[in-house]
């Protein structure tokens, strides 16, 4: 779910992650994890950059990588949330 510059992702296992979205151009964006609960011990993921590679009416495909790296690129499809 994305609202403005904040994206919330929920996994099939009930985990929730919150990210700040920064568009780098019309097809690339950066997600920076935000803490859901303020805690000095919270370890946040490094920012991840995504390149949109395909768009359909209900999903889009991306290649993603940890910012500043050139390895561990992964590809997946993101689906629009349904009610």
Protein backbone atom coordinates (compact mmCIF):
# COMPACT_ATOMS: atom_id res chain seq x y z
CA UNK A 1 0.00 0.00 0.00
CA UNK A 2 1.41 3.39 -0.95
CA UNK A 3 0.13 6.77 0.22
CA UNK A 4 2.11 9.82 -0.83
CA UNK A 5 5.79 9.09 -0.18
CA UNK A 6 5.18 6.27 2.33
CA UNK A 7 4.85 2.60 1.34
CA UNK A 8 3.74 -0.18 3.70
CA UNK A 9 4.38 -3.79 2.74
CA UNK A 10 2.81 -6.80 4.44
CA UNK A 11 4.19 -10.28 3.91
CA UNK A 12 2.19 -13.50 3.78
CA UNK A 13 3.56 -14.20 7.28
CA UNK A 14 2.09 -11.02 8.78
CA UNK A 15 5.33 -9.01 8.94
CA UNK A 16 4.97 -5.31 8.13
CA UNK A 17 7.62 -2.92 6.80
CA UNK A 18 7.30 0.82 6.24
CA UNK A 19 9.39 2.72 3.65
CA UNK A 20 9.93 6.24 2.39
CA UNK A 21 9.62 6.37 -1.42
CA UNK A 22 11.89 8.70 -3.40
CA UNK A 23 11.46 8.78 -7.18
CA UNK A 24 14.83 9.04 -8.95
CA UNK A 25 13.26 9.32 -12.44
CA UNK A 26 10.09 8.07 -14.16
CA UNK A 27 11.10 4.38 -13.87
CA UNK A 28 13.42 4.19 -10.83
CA UNK A 29 12.72 4.75 -7.16
CA UNK A 30 14.48 4.26 -3.83
CA UNK A 31 12.87 2.71 -0.74
CA UNK A 32 14.38 3.66 2.62
CA UNK A 33 13.02 1.66 5.55
CA UNK A 34 11.35 3.63 8.34
CA UNK A 35 10.97 2.29 11.88
CA UNK A 36 7.42 1.19 12.65
CA UNK A 37 8.08 1.37 16.39
CA UNK A 38 10.64 3.89 17.61
CA UNK A 39 13.46 1.96 19.28
CA UNK A 40 17.17 2.54 19.72
CA UNK A 41 17.79 -1.14 18.93
CA UNK A 42 15.83 -1.26 15.68
CA UNK A 43 18.05 -2.35 12.77
CA UNK A 44 16.84 -0.94 9.48
CA UNK A 45 17.58 -2.32 6.03
CA UNK A 46 19.88 -0.40 3.69
CA UNK A 47 18.07 1.63 0.99
CA UNK A 48 17.05 -0.36 -2.08
CA UNK A 49 16.75 1.00 -5.63
CA UNK A 50 14.13 -0.42 -8.00
CA UNK A 51 13.91 -0.21 -11.79
CA UNK A 52 10.42 -0.79 -13.21
CA UNK A 53 10.72 -3.18 -16.15
CA UNK A 54 7.06 -3.89 -17.05
CA UNK A 55 3.58 -2.62 -16.12
CA UNK A 56 0.17 -4.29 -16.35
CA UNK A 57 -3.27 -3.15 -15.20
CA UNK A 58 -2.85 -4.78 -11.79
CA UNK A 59 0.92 -5.19 -11.24
CA UNK A 60 4.39 -4.12 -12.20
CA UNK A 61 7.71 -5.94 -12.47
CA UNK A 62 10.92 -4.58 -11.01
CA UNK A 63 14.60 -5.32 -10.70
CA UNK A 64 16.00 -4.22 -7.34
CA UNK A 65 19.39 -3.93 -5.66
CA UNK A 66 20.82 -2.53 -2.44
CA UNK A 67 21.92 1.03 -3.15
CA UNK A 68 25.63 1.33 -3.86
CA UNK A 69 26.07 -2.31 -4.90
CA UNK A 70 26.22 -3.99 -8.27
CA UNK A 71 25.47 -7.53 -7.10
CA UNK A 72 22.52 -9.38 -5.59
CA UNK A 73 20.04 -7.96 -8.08
CA UNK A 74 16.64 -9.56 -7.69
CA UNK A 75 13.48 -9.43 -9.79
CA UNK A 76 9.86 -9.75 -8.71
CA UNK A 77 6.31 -8.66 -9.45
CA UNK A 78 4.37 -6.27 -7.20
CA UNK A 79 0.57 -6.53 -7.19
CA UNK A 80 -1.94 -3.82 -6.36
CA UNK A 81 -3.64 -4.44 -3.03
CA UNK A 82 -7.24 -5.60 -3.25
CA UNK A 83 -9.99 -5.07 -0.69
